Protein backbone atom coordinates (compact mmCIF):
# COMPACT_ATOMS: atom_id res chain seq x y z
CA MET A 1 13.35 28.15 -25.79
CA ASP A 2 11.72 29.66 -28.87
CA TRP A 3 12.05 26.27 -30.90
CA LEU A 4 10.73 24.22 -27.83
CA ARG A 5 7.52 26.61 -27.76
CA ASP A 6 7.01 25.88 -31.56
CA GLN A 7 7.63 21.98 -30.95
CA ILE A 8 5.51 21.49 -27.42
CA SER A 9 2.36 23.54 -26.75
CA LEU A 10 -0.13 23.53 -23.98
CA SER A 11 -3.74 23.68 -24.25
CA ARG A 12 -6.97 22.94 -22.51
CA GLU A 13 -7.06 19.42 -24.10
CA GLY A 14 -3.41 18.73 -22.86
CA ILE A 15 -0.19 18.81 -24.51
CA ARG A 16 0.46 18.91 -28.15
CA PHE A 17 3.53 17.90 -29.91
CA ALA A 18 4.78 18.94 -33.45
CA ASN A 19 5.59 15.24 -34.43
CA PRO A 20 4.95 11.78 -32.89
CA LYS A 21 8.83 11.20 -32.56
CA LEU A 22 9.20 14.09 -30.13
CA GLU A 23 5.96 13.07 -28.10
CA GLU A 24 7.65 9.53 -27.79
CA GLU A 25 10.85 10.72 -26.52
CA PHE A 26 8.88 12.95 -24.01
CA LYS A 27 7.04 10.18 -22.60
CA SER A 28 10.02 7.87 -22.17
CA THR A 29 12.03 10.81 -20.61
CA LEU A 30 9.23 11.29 -18.25
CA ALA A 31 8.72 7.74 -17.37
CA ARG A 32 12.32 7.42 -16.91
CA LEU A 33 12.64 10.27 -14.32
CA VAL A 34 9.15 9.56 -12.39
CA GLY A 35 10.45 5.89 -12.02
CA ARG A 36 13.69 7.18 -10.95
CA PHE A 37 12.15 9.29 -8.38
CA ILE A 38 9.78 6.64 -6.67
CA GLN A 39 12.23 3.84 -6.97
CA PRO A 40 13.46 4.30 -3.51
CA GLN A 41 9.85 4.56 -2.02
CA LEU A 42 9.07 1.56 -3.76
CA LYS A 43 11.98 -0.38 -2.27
CA LYS A 44 10.96 0.76 1.15
CA LEU A 45 7.29 -0.44 0.75
CA GLN A 46 8.54 -3.80 -0.86
CA LYS A 47 10.59 -4.31 2.18
CA LYS A 48 7.98 -3.48 4.81
CA ALA A 49 5.70 -5.81 3.07
CA ALA A 50 8.23 -8.57 3.23
CA LYS A 51 8.85 -8.23 6.86
CA GLU A 52 4.83 -8.25 7.38
CA ALA A 53 4.72 -11.59 5.40
CA ALA A 54 7.60 -13.02 7.42
CA LYS A 55 5.95 -12.22 10.92
CA LYS A 56 2.61 -13.77 9.54
CA GLY A 57 4.67 -16.87 8.53
CA GLU A 58 6.46 -17.00 11.82
CA ARG A 59 2.72 -16.66 13.72
CA ARG A 60 1.40 -19.21 11.71
CA LEU A 61 4.11 -21.85 12.47
CA GLU A 62 3.97 -20.88 16.04
CA LEU A 63 0.31 -21.81 16.11
CA ALA A 64 0.98 -25.03 14.10
CA GLN A 65 3.49 -26.22 16.75
CA LYS A 66 1.17 -25.47 19.56
CA ARG A 67 -1.26 -27.42 17.74
CA VAL A 68 1.01 -30.16 17.34
CA ARG A 69 1.40 -30.19 21.03
CA LYS A 70 -2.21 -30.17 21.67
CA GLU A 71 -2.14 -27.40 24.12
CA LYS A 72 -5.48 -27.27 25.84
CA SER A 73 -5.80 -23.50 25.45
CA ILE A 74 -6.47 -23.94 21.73
CA LEU A 75 -8.63 -27.06 21.57
CA VAL A 76 -12.35 -26.91 20.97
CA PRO A 77 -14.10 -28.41 24.11
CA GLY A 78 -15.57 -31.73 23.26
CA LEU A 79 -14.05 -32.42 19.60
CA THR A 80 -11.68 -35.28 19.38
CA ASN A 81 -11.59 -35.93 15.63
CA GLY A 82 -11.44 -33.92 12.48
CA PHE A 83 -10.12 -30.31 13.16
CA PRO A 84 -10.60 -29.76 16.90
CA TYR A 85 -8.57 -26.40 17.07
CA ARG A 86 -10.14 -22.92 17.82
CA PRO A 87 -10.29 -21.42 14.35
CA GLU A 88 -8.10 -18.48 13.41
CA THR A 89 -9.58 -17.96 9.78
CA ASP A 90 -12.74 -18.36 7.98
CA GLY A 91 -11.39 -21.57 6.21
CA GLU A 92 -10.58 -23.08 9.76
CA LEU A 93 -14.08 -22.20 10.74
CA ALA A 94 -15.44 -24.17 7.91
CA LEU A 95 -13.32 -27.22 8.80
CA VAL A 96 -15.04 -27.15 12.43
CA LEU A 97 -18.38 -26.74 10.94
CA ALA A 98 -17.78 -29.79 8.65
CA GLN A 99 -17.85 -31.85 11.70
CA GLN A 100 -21.65 -32.87 12.07
CA SER A 101 -21.51 -32.89 15.82
CA VAL A 102 -20.93 -29.06 15.52
CA LEU A 103 -23.68 -28.31 12.92
CA LYS A 104 -26.06 -30.39 15.23
CA ALA A 105 -25.14 -28.06 18.05
CA ILE A 106 -26.53 -25.49 16.00
CA SER A 107 -29.54 -27.44 14.39
CA PRO A 108 -29.91 -31.14 13.33
CA ALA A 109 -31.10 -30.19 10.23
CA LEU A 110 -27.99 -28.29 8.85
CA SER A 111 -25.56 -29.72 6.59
CA ILE A 112 -22.74 -27.73 5.04
CA VAL A 113 -22.67 -28.14 1.17
CA ASP A 114 -20.57 -25.46 -0.19
CA TYR A 115 -17.33 -23.18 0.58
CA ASN A 116 -15.98 -20.27 -1.05
CA ASP A 117 -14.17 -17.56 0.75
CA GLN A 118 -13.84 -15.32 -2.55
CA ALA A 119 -17.79 -15.00 -2.86
CA PRO A 120 -20.04 -12.46 -1.20
CA TYR A 121 -20.75 -15.04 1.63
CA ASP A 122 -18.43 -17.96 2.63
CA CYS A 123 -20.67 -21.16 2.57
CA VAL A 124 -24.11 -22.57 2.08
CA LEU A 125 -25.82 -24.47 4.46
CA TYR A 126 -28.83 -27.08 3.50
CA ASP A 127 -31.60 -27.00 5.94
CA LYS A 128 -33.28 -30.53 5.36
CA GLY A 129 -36.20 -29.49 7.70
CA ARG A 130 -37.37 -26.48 5.75
CA ARG A 131 -35.66 -27.70 2.29
CA GLU A 132 -33.87 -24.63 1.86
CA LEU A 133 -30.34 -23.20 1.22
CA VAL A 134 -28.89 -20.85 3.72
CA LYS A 135 -26.33 -18.20 2.52
CA THR A 136 -23.81 -18.21 5.48
CA GLU A 137 -20.88 -16.01 6.47
CA LEU A 138 -18.18 -17.22 8.67
CA GLU A 139 -16.19 -15.32 11.08
CA PRO A 140 -13.48 -16.00 13.47
CA THR A 141 -14.54 -13.10 15.60
CA LEU A 142 -17.99 -11.16 14.93
CA MET A 143 -15.70 -7.95 14.95
CA GLU A 144 -14.48 -8.80 11.45
CA TRP A 145 -17.96 -8.85 10.17
CA LEU A 146 -17.48 -5.07 10.12
CA ALA A 147 -15.35 -5.08 7.42
CA HIS A 148 -17.75 -6.32 4.85
CA LYS A 149 -19.19 -3.95 2.54
CA ASP A 150 -21.65 -6.18 0.91
CA THR A 151 -24.01 -7.83 3.05
CA GLY A 152 -26.99 -8.07 1.01
CA ASP A 153 -26.66 -11.73 0.23
CA VAL A 154 -25.99 -13.15 3.95
CA GLU A 155 -28.83 -14.85 5.70
CA PHE A 156 -26.87 -16.26 8.64
CA VAL A 157 -23.54 -15.47 10.57
CA ILE A 158 -21.81 -18.16 12.33
CA ALA A 159 -18.62 -16.75 14.56
CA TRP A 160 -16.34 -18.61 16.63
CA THR A 161 -16.72 -15.70 19.19
CA LEU A 162 -18.19 -12.49 19.49
CA GLY A 163 -14.70 -10.92 20.51
CA LYS A 164 -15.39 -7.40 21.97
CA TRP A 165 -18.78 -7.09 20.97
CA ARG A 166 -21.34 -6.98 23.51
CA THR A 167 -25.24 -7.17 23.39
CA GLY A 168 -26.72 -3.96 23.28
CA ALA A 169 -23.67 -2.36 21.63
CA ARG A 170 -23.75 -0.62 18.19
CA LYS A 171 -20.85 -0.53 15.96
CA LYS A 172 -20.08 1.20 12.82
CA GLY A 173 -18.92 -1.04 9.90
CA ALA A 174 -18.44 -0.88 5.97
CA GLY A 175 -22.16 -1.93 5.56
CA GLY A 176 -23.92 0.52 7.90
CA LEU A 177 -24.45 0.65 11.47
CA PHE A 178 -25.05 -2.64 13.48
CA LYS A 179 -26.47 -3.41 16.66
CA LEU A 180 -26.10 -6.93 18.47
CA VAL A 181 -29.19 -8.04 20.35
CA PRO A 182 -30.35 -11.30 22.06
CA ASP A 183 -32.25 -13.97 20.28
CA VAL A 184 -35.75 -14.13 20.74
CA THR A 185 -35.29 -17.74 21.96
CA LYS A 186 -32.87 -16.60 24.54
CA LYS A 187 -30.72 -19.82 24.04
CA ARG A 188 -26.99 -19.64 24.67
CA GLY A 189 -24.94 -18.42 21.92
CA ARG A 190 -27.74 -17.31 19.85
CA TYR A 191 -28.02 -13.55 18.86
CA ARG A 192 -29.74 -11.25 16.29
CA LEU A 193 -27.52 -8.46 14.36
CA LEU A 194 -29.71 -5.54 13.42
CA GLN A 195 -28.34 -3.46 10.48
CA TYR A 196 -29.49 0.38 10.39
CA ALA A 197 -28.66 2.65 7.52
CA THR A 198 -27.40 5.43 9.58
CA SER A 199 -27.09 6.14 13.17
CA LYS A 200 -30.33 8.16 13.22
CA SER A 201 -32.27 5.29 11.69
CA LYS A 202 -34.88 3.86 14.39
CA THR A 203 -36.03 0.74 12.07
CA PRO A 204 -33.39 -1.68 11.00
CA LYS A 205 -33.27 -2.42 7.37
CA LYS A 206 -32.07 -6.05 7.88
CA ASP A 207 -31.92 -8.40 10.68
CA PHE A 208 -29.17 -11.42 10.70
CA GLN A 209 -29.18 -14.62 12.78
CA VAL A 210 -25.99 -14.70 14.70
CA VAL A 211 -24.39 -17.93 16.48
CA ALA A 212 -21.45 -17.75 18.74
CA LEU A 213 -19.90 -21.16 18.57
CA ASP A 214 -17.60 -21.05 21.56
CA GLU A 215 -20.47 -20.38 23.66
CA LEU A 216 -22.92 -23.10 22.04
CA LEU A 217 -20.00 -25.54 22.52
CA ARG A 218 -19.36 -24.59 26.12
CA LYS A 219 -20.23 -27.24 28.60
């Protein structure tokens, strides 16, 4: 122990070693022991992740089979070409929007000119009437919007469905507090999403236009 005290000492700056070889042996021993300790937990986590991935894969194939059978419950009303299925992801919603008849229901002036789900907003729409690019976020359900931390670049939100979100309801998200209200035009499927800094804020810091496609396309 006396020898060890001479070779390794503790200080406010950390651990000091008498020579580089001793420091290397100490680190390798520590790494080996820590690795041995965490290995069982790591295997459990890997097994759990594999099970979750397998479940997602099964659900994906089950949905694909329903689409092969063209089950009425998953078809978008009025669409016969392109991708006529109720979207489950941002990418599938983009496939629905790529059909001009769908965008025409929102506005005849709009066309989709960009898609990138890794960016702060999913796609860019071009409004030929105003000659402007519109940064747009796509969501299968509006509830998924609450997970977004960075909403500063978004100008327009297109959701397949509002889900459990009802007008007048406030919900807390990663980007603040949000309240869904009817659009001033009071047209079917059109809303505004007000973003507040805190629950005590009376004036919204941003106002997003929202479209619920399942309502808009309903006959």
